[in-house]
Protein backbone atom coordinates (compact mmCIF):
# COMPACT_ATOMS: atom_id res chain seq x y z
CA MET A 1 33.62 -40.62 -21.02
CA GLU A 2 30.13 -41.15 -22.42
CA PHE A 3 27.60 -38.33 -22.14
CA TYR A 4 25.24 -40.29 -19.88
CA GLU A 5 28.15 -41.22 -17.64
CA VAL A 6 28.88 -37.51 -17.24
CA VAL A 7 25.22 -36.86 -16.41
CA ARG A 8 25.13 -39.67 -13.86
CA ARG A 9 28.33 -38.53 -12.16
CA ARG A 10 27.48 -34.84 -11.96
CA ARG A 11 27.40 -33.20 -8.56
CA SER A 12 26.79 -29.81 -7.02
CA VAL A 13 29.89 -28.23 -5.56
CA ARG A 14 29.23 -26.22 -2.41
CA ALA A 15 32.78 -25.70 -1.18
CA TYR A 16 35.87 -24.66 -3.08
CA ARG A 17 39.54 -25.13 -2.43
CA PRO A 18 41.48 -21.86 -2.33
CA ASP A 19 43.95 -23.15 -4.94
CA PRO A 20 44.20 -21.02 -8.09
CA VAL A 21 42.52 -22.47 -11.15
CA GLU A 22 45.08 -23.76 -13.62
CA GLU A 23 45.22 -21.60 -16.75
CA GLU A 24 45.03 -24.64 -19.06
CA LYS A 25 41.83 -25.88 -17.41
CA LEU A 26 40.18 -22.49 -17.56
CA GLU A 27 41.12 -22.07 -21.21
CA ARG A 28 39.68 -25.51 -22.01
CA VAL A 29 36.34 -24.66 -20.39
CA LEU A 30 36.17 -21.30 -22.17
CA GLU A 31 37.06 -22.90 -25.50
CA ALA A 32 34.27 -25.45 -25.07
CA ALA A 33 31.84 -22.61 -24.36
CA ARG A 34 33.09 -20.68 -27.37
CA LEU A 35 32.47 -23.69 -29.61
CA ALA A 36 28.85 -24.08 -28.46
CA PRO A 37 26.39 -23.74 -31.34
CA SER A 38 24.41 -20.55 -31.79
CA ALA A 39 21.84 -19.33 -34.30
CA ALA A 40 23.60 -18.41 -37.56
CA ASN A 41 26.87 -18.82 -35.62
CA ARG A 42 26.41 -15.30 -34.24
CA GLN A 43 27.72 -16.31 -30.81
CA PRO A 44 25.82 -13.53 -28.98
CA TRP A 45 27.78 -13.86 -25.76
CA HIS A 46 30.97 -12.95 -24.05
CA PHE A 47 32.60 -14.44 -21.01
CA LEU A 48 34.01 -12.71 -17.96
CA VAL A 49 36.60 -14.33 -15.71
CA VAL A 50 37.16 -12.76 -12.29
CA ARG A 51 40.16 -13.84 -10.26
CA ASP A 52 40.74 -10.73 -8.14
CA ALA A 53 39.86 -11.29 -4.50
CA ALA A 54 37.99 -8.00 -3.89
CA PRO A 55 35.16 -8.51 -6.41
CA ARG A 56 34.90 -12.21 -5.53
CA ALA A 57 34.56 -11.34 -1.83
CA ARG A 58 31.39 -9.40 -2.65
CA LEU A 59 29.65 -12.37 -4.29
CA PRO A 60 27.81 -13.47 -1.12
CA GLU A 61 25.97 -10.11 -1.24
CA ALA A 62 24.28 -11.31 -4.45
CA HIS A 63 23.88 -14.95 -3.48
CA SER A 64 21.57 -15.77 -0.61
CA GLN A 65 22.63 -19.37 0.06
CA GLU A 66 24.44 -19.86 3.37
CA TRP A 67 26.79 -22.47 1.92
CA PHE A 68 28.02 -20.14 -0.81
CA ALA A 69 31.61 -18.98 -0.53
CA PRO A 70 33.51 -17.31 -3.34
CA PRO A 71 35.62 -19.73 -5.39
CA PRO A 72 39.17 -18.85 -6.53
CA ALA A 73 37.86 -17.89 -9.99
CA VAL A 74 34.41 -16.96 -11.25
CA THR A 75 33.21 -17.11 -14.84
CA ARG A 76 30.09 -15.40 -16.13
CA ALA A 77 28.44 -15.76 -19.50
CA CYS A 78 26.78 -12.55 -20.66
CA ALA A 79 24.30 -12.34 -23.53
CA ARG A 80 24.76 -9.70 -26.17
CA PRO A 81 21.38 -8.80 -27.72
CA PRO A 82 21.22 -8.55 -31.51
CA PRO A 83 21.40 -5.08 -33.04
CA ALA A 84 18.11 -3.37 -33.86
CA GLY A 85 16.57 -4.30 -37.18
CA ARG A 86 17.77 -7.92 -37.22
């Protein structure tokens, strides 16, 4: 699929099926993120994947939108600042 086709077809998901996310699909998304370019290839990030129900159930506390409901898996990208002196 061409890039502009992807952009044209994009949509905002506001409801999630309760089905577990397939491991292969999650790994593919994380691999694409890992391959993203970064300055000097430092890759100053790490990714968290939360599948446990208890932490996901608390997500609406941090998200004020009424339509938001926790999906079956949540990924978060976290920045890792460079060490001092660099």
